[in-house]
C-alpha cells in the first residue's frame, strides 16, 4: 500500500493526476495556473537562437477552451514573411510544449536578437 501512495504522489507532481493546488481556485474567472519554464536552442545557418517557452497549466480550462495547457515562446519566428509567436494548446504539458517546439523548428528565426 505504501508504494501506491508514493506512485499517486509522483503522478500528481508529474501530470498523471491532478495536483492539490488546482482545488484552491474558488471561481473559474480567477484563472489560477502553474507556470512551467523551458528553453531550447534553435539551430540554423546563422548560429543558434535560444527560445524561452512558458507553459501555463490552468486549474480549469480558461473560458472558451477545453484544454488546460498552453505553451508560448518568448519571440516570434518567420518575421520576413508572416511573423507569429509559436504556441500550442494540449491536454498535457507534453502535448502543448511539443506543438510549440514543432513550430519553432519548422519556421526560420529572422530577427535581430
Foldseek 3Di string as FASTA:
>chain_A
DVVVVVVVVVCCVAVNDPHPVLVVDPDLVVFDWDKDKDWDWAQDDVGTDIKIKIKTATSQDHPPDRFRIKIWIPAWFPVVNDIDTQMATDNTNCRGVVRSVVVPRPTHHDDDD
